[in-house]
C-alpha atoms as a PDB file:
ATOM      1  CA  MET A   1    -185.033-135.509 -25.246  1.00  0.00           C
ATOM      2  CA  ARG A   2    -181.415-134.686 -24.539  1.00  0.00           C
ATOM      3  CA  GLY A   3    -180.465-132.278 -21.738  1.00  0.00           C
ATOM      4  CA  ASP A   4    -181.083-128.511 -22.296  1.00  0.00           C
ATOM      5  CA  ASP A   5    -180.323-125.407 -20.292  1.00  0.00           C
ATOM      6  CA  ASP A   6    -183.688-124.286 -21.164  1.00  0.00           C
ATOM      7  CA  PRO A   7    -186.161-125.829 -18.594  1.00  0.00           C
ATOM      8  CA  ARG A   8    -188.880-125.571 -21.277  1.00  0.00           C
ATOM      9  CA  ALA A   9    -187.310-128.906 -22.714  1.00  0.00           C
ATOM     10  CA  GLY A  10    -188.119-130.594 -19.522  1.00  0.00           C
ATOM     11  CA  GLU A  11    -191.507-129.036 -19.356  1.00  0.00           C
ATOM     12  CA  ALA A  12    -192.318-130.418 -22.839  1.00  0.00           C
ATOM     13  CA  ALA A  13    -190.941-133.763 -21.871  1.00  0.00           C
ATOM     14  CA  ALA A  14    -193.252-133.825 -18.711  1.00  0.00           C
ATOM     15  CA  VAL A  15    -196.215-133.161 -21.008  1.00  0.00           C
ATOM     16  CA  ARG A  16    -195.329-135.965 -23.247  1.00  0.00           C
ATOM     17  CA  LEU A  17    -194.930-138.357 -20.207  1.00  0.00           C
ATOM     18  CA  ALA A  18    -198.409-137.219 -18.940  1.00  0.00           C
ATOM     19  CA  ARG A  19    -199.797-138.059 -22.291  1.00  0.00           C
ATOM     20  CA  GLY A  20    -198.479-141.595 -21.801  1.00  0.00           C
ATOM     21  CA  GLU A  21    -195.445-141.721 -23.981  1.00  0.00           C
ATOM     22  CA  ALA A  22    -192.793-144.217 -22.766  1.00  0.00           C
ATOM     23  CA  VAL A  23    -189.791-142.872 -20.847  1.00  0.00           C
ATOM     24  CA  GLU A  24    -187.373-144.299 -23.259  1.00  0.00           C
ATOM     25  CA  SER A  25    -188.903-142.585 -26.202  1.00  0.00           C
ATOM     26  CA  VAL A  26    -188.999-139.105 -24.338  1.00  0.00           C
ATOM     27  CA  LEU A  27    -185.682-139.011 -22.447  1.00  0.00           C
ATOM     28  CA  ASP A  28    -182.174-139.929 -23.400  1.00  0.00           C
ATOM     29  CA  ALA A  29    -181.565-142.161 -20.539  1.00  0.00           C
ATOM     30  CA  ASP A  30    -177.711-141.891 -20.831  1.00  0.00           C
ATOM     31  CA  ASP A  31    -177.801-138.073 -20.715  1.00  0.00           C
ATOM     32  CA  PRO A  32    -177.824-136.782 -17.069  1.00  0.00           C
ATOM     33  CA  ALA A  33    -178.881-133.301 -18.115  1.00  0.00           C
ATOM     34  CA  ALA A  34    -182.049-134.750 -19.596  1.00  0.00           C
ATOM     35  CA  TRP A  35    -183.139-136.052 -16.203  1.00  0.00           C
ATOM     36  CA  LEU A  36    -182.199-132.749 -14.535  1.00  0.00           C
ATOM     37  CA  ALA A  37    -184.264-130.903 -17.287  1.00  0.00           C
ATOM     38  CA  LEU A  38    -187.241-133.140 -16.456  1.00  0.00           C
ATOM     39  CA  ASP A  39    -187.000-132.536 -12.823  1.00  0.00           C
ATOM     40  CA  ALA A  40    -186.862-128.716 -13.221  1.00  0.00           C
ATOM     41  CA  GLY A  41    -189.481-128.638 -16.078  1.00  0.00           C
ATOM     42  CA  ALA A  42    -191.967-130.765 -14.429  1.00  0.00           C
ATOM     43  CA  ARG A  43    -192.358-128.131 -11.651  1.00  0.00           C
ATOM     44  CA  ARG A  44    -192.623-125.069 -13.833  1.00  0.00           C
ATOM     45  CA  GLY A  45    -195.971-123.554 -12.892  1.00  0.00           C
ATOM     46  CA  THR A  46    -198.609-121.846 -14.887  1.00  0.00           C
ATOM     47  CA  TRP A  47    -201.626-120.032 -13.499  1.00  0.00           C
ATOM     48  CA  TRP A  48    -204.714-122.275 -13.375  1.00  0.00           C
ATOM     49  CA  HIS A  49    -208.216-121.730 -12.214  1.00  0.00           C
ATOM     50  CA  ALA A  50    -209.059-120.293  -8.852  1.00  0.00           C
ATOM     51  CA  GLY A  51    -205.597-118.733  -8.827  1.00  0.00           C
ATOM     52  CA  ALA A  52    -203.713-122.020  -8.248  1.00  0.00           C
ATOM     53  CA  VAL A  53    -200.407-122.743  -9.908  1.00  0.00           C
ATOM     54  CA  ARG A  54    -200.170-126.008 -11.792  1.00  0.00           C
ATOM     55  CA  ALA A  55    -197.477-127.397 -14.153  1.00  0.00           C
ATOM     56  CA  GLU A  56    -198.615-127.613 -17.684  1.00  0.00           C
ATOM     57  CA  TRP A  57    -198.606-131.436 -17.796  1.00  0.00           C
ATOM     58  CA  GLU A  58    -201.049-131.369 -14.874  1.00  0.00           C
ATOM     59  CA  HIS A  59    -203.613-129.967 -17.171  1.00  0.00           C
ATOM     60  CA  VAL A  60    -203.150-133.324 -19.183  1.00  0.00           C
ATOM     61  CA  ALA A  61    -203.194-135.999 -16.423  1.00  0.00           C
ATOM     62  CA  PRO A  62    -202.961-134.878 -12.728  1.00  0.00           C
ATOM     63  CA  LEU A  63    -201.566-137.477 -10.326  1.00  0.00           C
ATOM     64  CA  PRO A  64    -203.283-139.332  -7.470  1.00  0.00           C
ATOM     65  CA  ASP A  65    -201.885-138.625  -3.889  1.00  0.00           C
ATOM     66  CA  ASP A  66    -200.471-142.239  -3.841  1.00  0.00           C
ATOM     67  CA  PRO A  67    -197.958-143.017  -6.733  1.00  0.00           C
ATOM     68  CA  ALA A  68    -198.303-146.764  -6.173  1.00  0.00           C
ATOM     69  CA  GLY A  69    -199.502-148.559  -9.264  1.00  0.00           C
ATOM     70  CA  LEU A  70    -198.586-145.681 -11.714  1.00  0.00           C
ATOM     71  CA  ASP A  71    -196.722-146.753 -14.929  1.00  0.00           C
ATOM     72  CA  ALA A  72    -193.199-145.613 -15.410  1.00  0.00           C
ATOM     73  CA  SER A  73    -194.070-142.350 -17.431  1.00  0.00           C
ATOM     74  CA  ARG A  74    -196.411-141.059 -14.688  1.00  0.00           C
ATOM     75  CA  TYR A  75    -194.224-142.372 -11.970  1.00  0.00           C
ATOM     76  CA  ALA A  76    -191.350-140.227 -13.290  1.00  0.00           C
ATOM     77  CA  LEU A  77    -193.683-137.177 -12.912  1.00  0.00           C
ATOM     78  CA  ALA A  78    -194.380-138.178  -9.364  1.00  0.00           C
ATOM     79  CA  LEU A  79    -190.640-138.163  -8.736  1.00  0.00           C
ATOM     80  CA  CYS A  80    -190.484-134.666  -9.908  1.00  0.00           C
ATOM     81  CA  HIS A  81    -193.864-133.457  -8.528  1.00  0.00           C
ATOM     82  CA  ARG A  82    -194.163-129.994  -6.900  1.00  0.00           C
ATOM     83  CA  ASP A  83    -195.722-131.717  -3.787  1.00  0.00           C
ATOM     84  CA  GLY A  84    -192.884-132.890  -1.619  1.00  0.00           C
ATOM     85  CA  ARG A  85    -195.108-135.515   0.063  1.00  0.00           C
ATOM     86  CA  LEU A  86    -195.739-137.081  -3.340  1.00  0.00           C
ATOM     87  CA  ARG A  87    -191.882-137.049  -4.211  1.00  0.00           C
ATOM     88  CA  GLU A  88    -191.146-138.635  -0.828  1.00  0.00           C
ATOM     89  CA  ALA A  89    -193.673-141.404  -1.309  1.00  0.00           C
ATOM     90  CA  ALA A  90    -192.285-141.828  -4.908  1.00  0.00           C
ATOM     91  CA  VAL A  91    -188.566-142.214  -4.014  1.00  0.00           C
ATOM     92  CA  ARG A  92    -189.468-144.767  -1.389  1.00  0.00           C
ATOM     93  CA  GLY A  93    -191.076-146.942  -4.070  1.00  0.00           C
ATOM     94  CA  VAL A  94    -188.768-146.247  -6.998  1.00  0.00           C
ATOM     95  CA  LEU A  95    -187.130-149.568  -6.960  1.00  0.00           C
ATOM     96  CA  GLY A  96    -190.296-150.923  -8.771  1.00  0.00           C
ATOM     97  CA  HIS A  97    -189.197-148.618 -11.673  1.00  0.00           C
ATOM     98  CA  PRO A  98    -185.534-149.342 -12.168  1.00  0.00           C
ATOM     99  CA  SER A  99    -185.352-147.160 -15.378  1.00  0.00           C
ATOM    100  CA  LEU A 100    -186.075-144.165 -13.275  1.00  0.00           C
ATOM    101  CA  LEU A 101    -183.266-144.492 -10.823  1.00  0.00           C
ATOM    102  CA  PRO A 102    -181.414-141.312 -12.092  1.00  0.00           C
ATOM    103  CA  LEU A 103    -184.319-139.498 -10.572  1.00  0.00           C
ATOM    104  CA  LEU A 104    -183.460-141.202  -7.242  1.00  0.00           C
ATOM    105  CA  VAL A 105    -180.046-139.584  -7.448  1.00  0.00           C
ATOM    106  CA  VAL A 106    -181.719-136.244  -8.144  1.00  0.00           C
ATOM    107  CA  GLY A 107    -183.941-136.793  -5.148  1.00  0.00           C
ATOM    108  CA  ALA A 108    -180.803-137.352  -2.980  1.00  0.00           C
ATOM    109  CA  ALA A 109    -180.099-133.630  -3.351  1.00  0.00           C
ATOM    110  CA  ASP A 110    -183.627-132.421  -3.066  1.00  0.00           C
ATOM    111  CA  TRP A 111    -184.162-129.229  -1.244  1.00  0.00           C
ATOM    112  CA  GLY A 112    -186.972-130.842   0.961  1.00  0.00           C
ATOM    113  CA  ALA A 113    -185.220-132.738   3.827  1.00  0.00           C
ATOM    114  CA  PRO A 114    -187.833-135.568   4.016  1.00  0.00           C
ATOM    115  CA  VAL A 115    -187.463-136.219   0.297  1.00  0.00           C
ATOM    116  CA  ARG A 116    -183.722-135.985   0.358  1.00  0.00           C
ATOM    117  CA  GLN A 117    -183.359-138.282   3.448  1.00  0.00           C
ATOM    118  CA  ALA A 118    -185.767-140.912   1.952  1.00  0.00           C
ATOM    119  CA  ALA A 119    -183.995-140.910  -1.266  1.00  0.00           C
ATOM    120  CA  ARG A 120    -180.591-141.129   0.312  1.00  0.00           C
ATOM    121  CA  GLN A 121    -181.557-144.209   2.336  1.00  0.00           C
ATOM    122  CA  VAL A 122    -182.908-146.022  -0.697  1.00  0.00           C
ATOM    123  CA  LEU A 123    -179.736-145.023  -2.667  1.00  0.00           C
ATOM    124  CA  ARG A 124    -177.484-146.324   0.037  1.00  0.00           C
ATOM    125  CA  ASP A 125    -179.552-149.654   0.322  1.00  0.00           C
ATOM    126  CA  LEU A 126    -179.346-150.021  -3.378  1.00  0.00           C
ATOM    127  CA  VAL A 127    -175.497-149.665  -3.806  1.00  0.00           C
ATOM    128  CA  ASP A 128    -174.949-151.687  -0.581  1.00  0.00           C
ATOM    129  CA  GLY A 129    -176.954-154.451  -2.129  1.00  0.00           C
ATOM    130  CA  ASP A 130    -179.592-154.597   0.520  1.00  0.00           C
ATOM    131  CA  ALA A 131    -182.359-153.635  -1.847  1.00  0.00           C
ATOM    132  CA  VAL A 132    -181.821-155.804  -4.821  1.00  0.00           C
ATOM    133  CA  GLY A 133    -179.095-158.406  -3.889  1.00  0.00           C
ATOM    134  CA  GLY A 134    -175.590-158.504  -5.017  1.00  0.00           C
ATOM    135  CA  ASP A 135    -172.923-155.853  -4.140  1.00  0.00           C
ATOM    136  CA  GLY A 136    -174.440-152.814  -5.930  1.00  0.00           C
ATOM    137  CA  VAL A 137    -171.423-152.062  -7.936  1.00  0.00           C
ATOM    138  CA  GLU A 138    -173.178-152.445 -11.252  1.00  0.00           C
ATOM    139  CA  THR A 139    -175.969-150.066 -10.142  1.00  0.00           C
ATOM    140  CA  ALA A 140    -173.362-147.478  -8.949  1.00  0.00           C
ATOM    141  CA  VAL A 141    -171.479-147.717 -12.292  1.00  0.00           C
ATOM    142  CA  ALA A 142    -174.678-147.229 -14.236  1.00  0.00           C
ATOM    143  CA  LEU A 143    -175.553-144.135 -12.195  1.00  0.00           C
ATOM    144  CA  THR A 144    -172.064-142.548 -12.166  1.00  0.00           C
ATOM    145  CA  PRO A 145    -172.714-139.873 -14.865  1.00  0.00           C
ATOM    146  CA  VAL A 146    -175.766-138.532 -13.179  1.00  0.00           C
ATOM    147  CA  ILE A 147    -174.193-138.786  -9.762  1.00  0.00           C
ATOM    148  CA  LEU A 148    -171.205-136.635 -10.789  1.00  0.00           C
ATOM    149  CA  VAL A 149    -173.578-134.027 -12.455  1.00  0.00           C
ATOM    150  CA  VAL A 150    -175.854-133.854  -9.448  1.00  0.00           C
ATOM    151  CA  GLY A 151    -172.786-133.654  -7.273  1.00  0.00           C
ATOM    152  CA  ARG A 152    -172.095-130.143  -8.571  1.00  0.00           C
ATOM    153  CA  ARG A 153    -175.424-129.098  -6.918  1.00  0.00           C
ATOM    154  CA  GLU A 154    -175.890-127.871  -3.439  1.00  0.00           C
ATOM    155  CA  ARG A 155    -176.610-130.914  -1.220  1.00  0.00           C
ATOM    156  CA  GLY A 156    -175.394-133.075  -4.079  1.00  0.00           C
ATOM    157  CA  GLY A 157    -172.256-134.389  -2.363  1.00  0.00           C
ATOM    158  CA  PHE A 158    -173.975-137.361  -0.730  1.00  0.00           C
ATOM    159  CA  ALA A 159    -174.124-139.508  -3.951  1.00  0.00           C
ATOM    160  CA  VAL A 160    -170.611-138.725  -4.927  1.00  0.00           C
ATOM    161  CA  ALA A 161    -169.310-139.797  -1.492  1.00  0.00           C
ATOM    162  CA  LEU A 162    -171.311-142.991  -1.618  1.00  0.00           C
ATOM    163  CA  LEU A 163    -169.915-143.671  -5.170  1.00  0.00           C
ATOM    164  CA  ASP A 164    -166.516-143.075  -3.961  1.00  0.00           C
ATOM    165  CA  GLU A 165    -167.064-145.255  -0.997  1.00  0.00           C
ATOM    166  CA  VAL A 166    -168.108-148.144  -3.275  1.00  0.00           C
ATOM    167  CA  LEU A 167    -165.084-147.566  -5.651  1.00  0.00           C
ATOM    168  CA  ARG A 168    -162.565-147.415  -2.894  1.00  0.00           C
ATOM    169  CA  ASP A 169    -163.857-150.591  -1.123  1.00  0.00           C
ATOM    170  CA  PRO A 170    -161.084-153.359  -1.762  1.00  0.00           C
ATOM    171  CA  SER A 171    -163.546-156.030  -1.192  1.00  0.00           C
ATOM    172  CA  ARG A 172    -165.551-155.088  -4.295  1.00  0.00           C
ATOM    173  CA  VAL A 173    -164.696-155.748  -7.885  1.00  0.00           C
ATOM    174  CA  TRP A 174    -163.183-152.692  -9.564  1.00  0.00           C
ATOM    175  CA  PRO A 175    -165.504-151.640 -12.362  1.00  0.00           C
ATOM    176  CA  ALA A 176    -162.934-151.309 -15.200  1.00  0.00           C
ATOM    177  CA  ALA A 177    -165.598-150.079 -17.596  1.00  0.00           C
ATOM    178  CA  LEU A 178    -165.475-146.659 -15.891  1.00  0.00           C
ATOM    179  CA  LEU A 179    -161.914-146.120 -17.107  1.00  0.00           C
ATOM    180  CA  THR A 180    -163.059-146.291 -20.785  1.00  0.00           C
ATOM    181  CA  HIS A 181    -166.381-144.554 -20.232  1.00  0.00           C
ATOM    182  CA  GLY A 182    -167.540-142.129 -22.999  1.00  0.00           C
ATOM    183  CA  ASP A 183    -168.338-139.422 -20.486  1.00  0.00           C
ATOM    184  CA  LEU A 184    -165.256-137.437 -19.828  1.00  0.00           C
ATOM    185  CA  ALA A 185    -166.101-136.616 -16.298  1.00  0.00           C
ATOM    186  CA  VAL A 186    -166.700-140.235 -15.416  1.00  0.00           C
ATOM    187  CA  ARG A 187    -163.345-141.253 -16.993  1.00  0.00           C
ATOM    188  CA  ARG A 188    -161.421-138.621 -15.166  1.00  0.00           C
ATOM    189  CA  HIS A 189    -163.150-139.364 -11.818  1.00  0.00           C
ATOM    190  CA  ALA A 190    -162.496-143.128 -12.277  1.00  0.00           C
ATOM    191  CA  HIS A 191    -158.855-142.708 -13.117  1.00  0.00           C
ATOM    192  CA  ARG A 192    -158.168-140.440 -10.104  1.00  0.00           C
ATOM    193  CA  LEU A 193    -159.709-142.961  -7.789  1.00  0.00           C
ATOM    194  CA  ALA A 194    -158.034-145.908  -9.432  1.00  0.00           C
ATOM    195  CA  VAL A 195    -154.660-144.145  -9.103  1.00  0.00           C
ATOM    196  CA  GLU A 196    -155.360-143.195  -5.520  1.00  0.00           C
ATOM    197  CA  THR A 197    -156.338-146.712  -4.453  1.00  0.00           C
ATOM    198  CA  GLY A 198    -153.592-148.543  -6.319  1.00  0.00           C
ATOM    199  CA  ARG A 199    -155.992-150.474  -8.592  1.00  0.00           C
ATOM    200  CA  LEU A 200    -153.673-150.276 -11.489  1.00  0.00           C
ATOM    201  CA  SER A 201    -150.396-151.864 -12.563  1.00  0.00           C
ATOM    202  CA  PRO A 202    -147.758-149.250 -13.820  1.00  0.00           C
ATOM    203  CA  ALA A 203    -148.211-150.595 -17.377  1.00  0.00           C
ATOM    204  CA  GLU A 204    -152.019-149.836 -17.299  1.00  0.00           C
ATOM    205  CA  PRO A 205    -151.879-146.078 -16.777  1.00  0.00           C
ATOM    206  CA  ALA A 206    -148.814-145.900 -19.114  1.00  0.00           C
ATOM    207  CA  ARG A 207    -151.101-147.303 -21.903  1.00  0.00           C
ATOM    208  CA  THR A 208    -153.791-144.975 -21.032  1.00  0.00           C
ATOM    209  CA  ALA A 209    -151.508-141.919 -21.162  1.00  0.00           C
ATOM    210  CA  ALA A 210    -150.558-142.939 -24.522  1.00  0.00           C
ATOM    211  CA  GLY A 211    -153.914-143.546 -25.816  1.00  0.00           C
ATOM    212  CA  ASP A 212    -156.457-141.323 -24.221  1.00  0.00           C
ATOM    213  CA  ALA A 213    -157.548-138.182 -25.937  1.00  0.00           C
ATOM    214  CA  ASP A 214    -157.960-136.109 -22.824  1.00  0.00           C
ATOM    215  CA  THR A 215    -154.955-134.242 -21.557  1.00  0.00           C
ATOM    216  CA  VAL A 216    -156.008-134.483 -17.942  1.00  0.00           C
ATOM    217  CA  VAL A 217    -156.264-138.103 -18.021  1.00  0.00           C
ATOM    218  CA  GLN A 218    -152.978-138.362 -19.956  1.00  0.00           C
ATOM    219  CA  ALA A 219    -151.078-136.393 -17.307  1.00  0.00           C
ATOM    220  CA  LEU A 220    -152.664-138.133 -14.422  1.00  0.00           C
ATOM    221  CA  CYS A 221    -151.803-141.624 -15.833  1.00  0.00           C
ATOM    222  CA  ALA A 222    -148.249-140.644 -16.924  1.00  0.00           C
ATOM    223  CA  ASP A 223    -147.462-139.405 -13.471  1.00  0.00           C
ATOM    224  CA  ALA A 224    -149.088-142.590 -11.817  1.00  0.00           C
ATOM    225  CA  ALA A 225    -147.175-144.838 -14.210  1.00  0.00           C
ATOM    226  CA  LEU A 226    -143.772-143.350 -13.381  1.00  0.00           C
ATOM    227  CA  ALA A 227    -144.562-143.135  -9.678  1.00  0.00           C
ATOM    228  CA  ALA A 228    -145.380-146.840  -9.455  1.00  0.00           C
ATOM    229  CA  ALA A 229    -142.294-148.000 -11.387  1.00  0.00           C
ATOM    230  CA  PRO A 230    -139.684-149.773  -9.277  1.00  0.00           C
ATOM    231  CA  GLU A 231    -137.346-147.325  -7.673  1.00  0.00           C
ATOM    232  CA  GLY A 232    -138.184-144.754 -10.244  1.00  0.00           C
ATOM    233  CA  ARG A 233    -136.565-146.796 -12.973  1.00  0.00           C
ATOM    234  CA  PRO A 234    -139.435-147.410 -15.612  1.00  0.00           C
ATOM    235  CA  CYS A 235    -139.359-150.735 -17.395  1.00  0.00           C
ATOM    236  CA  GLU A 236    -140.102-151.054 -21.092  1.00  0.00           C
ATOM    237  CA  GLU A 237    -143.839-151.776 -20.485  1.00  0.00           C
ATOM    238  CA  VAL A 238    -144.022-148.264 -18.911  1.00  0.00           C
ATOM    239  CA  VAL A 239    -141.292-146.423 -21.039  1.00  0.00           C
ATOM    240  CA  GLY A 240    -142.631-147.718 -24.432  1.00  0.00           C
ATOM    241  CA  PRO A 241    -146.181-146.417 -24.223  1.00  0.00           C
ATOM    242  CA  LEU A 242    -145.087-143.098 -22.721  1.00  0.00           C
ATOM    243  CA  LEU A 243    -142.588-142.317 -25.365  1.00  0.00           C
ATOM    244  CA  GLY A 244    -145.498-142.724 -27.838  1.00  0.00           C
ATOM    245  CA  ALA A 245    -147.980-140.661 -25.753  1.00  0.00           C
ATOM    246  CA  ARG A 246    -149.806-137.815 -27.278  1.00  0.00           C
ATOM    247  CA  SER A 247    -149.023-135.524 -24.356  1.00  0.00           C
ATOM    248  CA  PRO A 248    -145.587-133.917 -24.326  1.00  0.00           C
ATOM    249  CA  ARG A 249    -145.662-134.217 -20.597  1.00  0.00           C
ATOM    250  CA  ALA A 250    -146.541-137.956 -20.697  1.00  0.00           C
ATOM    251  CA  GLY A 251    -143.917-138.637 -23.269  1.00  0.00           C
ATOM    252  CA  ARG A 252    -140.992-137.375 -21.221  1.00  0.00           C
ATOM    253  CA  PRO A 253    -140.395-140.088 -18.517  1.00  0.00           C
ATOM    254  CA  GLU A 254    -137.613-139.042 -16.106  1.00  0.00           C
END
């Protein structure tokens, strides 16, 4: 499933997960909207017996109170469950299901404070490297698309601030893959931070200004290349690419 503005797509995905279909066959893991649709769709209620409201997937396979031991498909449903206590328990144990980490980012913006706080702590431990070892940059890079989408939500700023903290840290290796990422929002965000933190030589943004298809990235990189040139006198490695840039603004070095 790819993302859809219609939460019924997420509801249908939740039913498929409840039936035991693998997460990778139900969701497009690289599409942030698919995770958001699942989160919303899994809580879409329908009237059930005794006047109770249950999500459609709960007719198929209701979950136990403790998510420990669930397979990834049903654990995803626990992370999206209408019961905040179950969501909180699920985010605390989500590292046992690394394919579901995008839902941890969603949880970091949860309306319920206990869920939100638990998810934020796990996310911070993860990118700090305390939870899995290493420096967490690889994890932050993998989660960047969903972080930026969730960042548009109310209470969604935590994960974006955490990502920026990682990317601004001079002691960490700069993840160059973000600069050529297929997601436009990721590419723009990465270039802004790379320019602000001086991660690029003048020639690098000049080449990007000449080759990137996005006009925002073109203009940002052209300005950065010219500003970084010695005493305002661009050298050939800056001027050459800019003269061949797609953007008229980028192609007019002063």
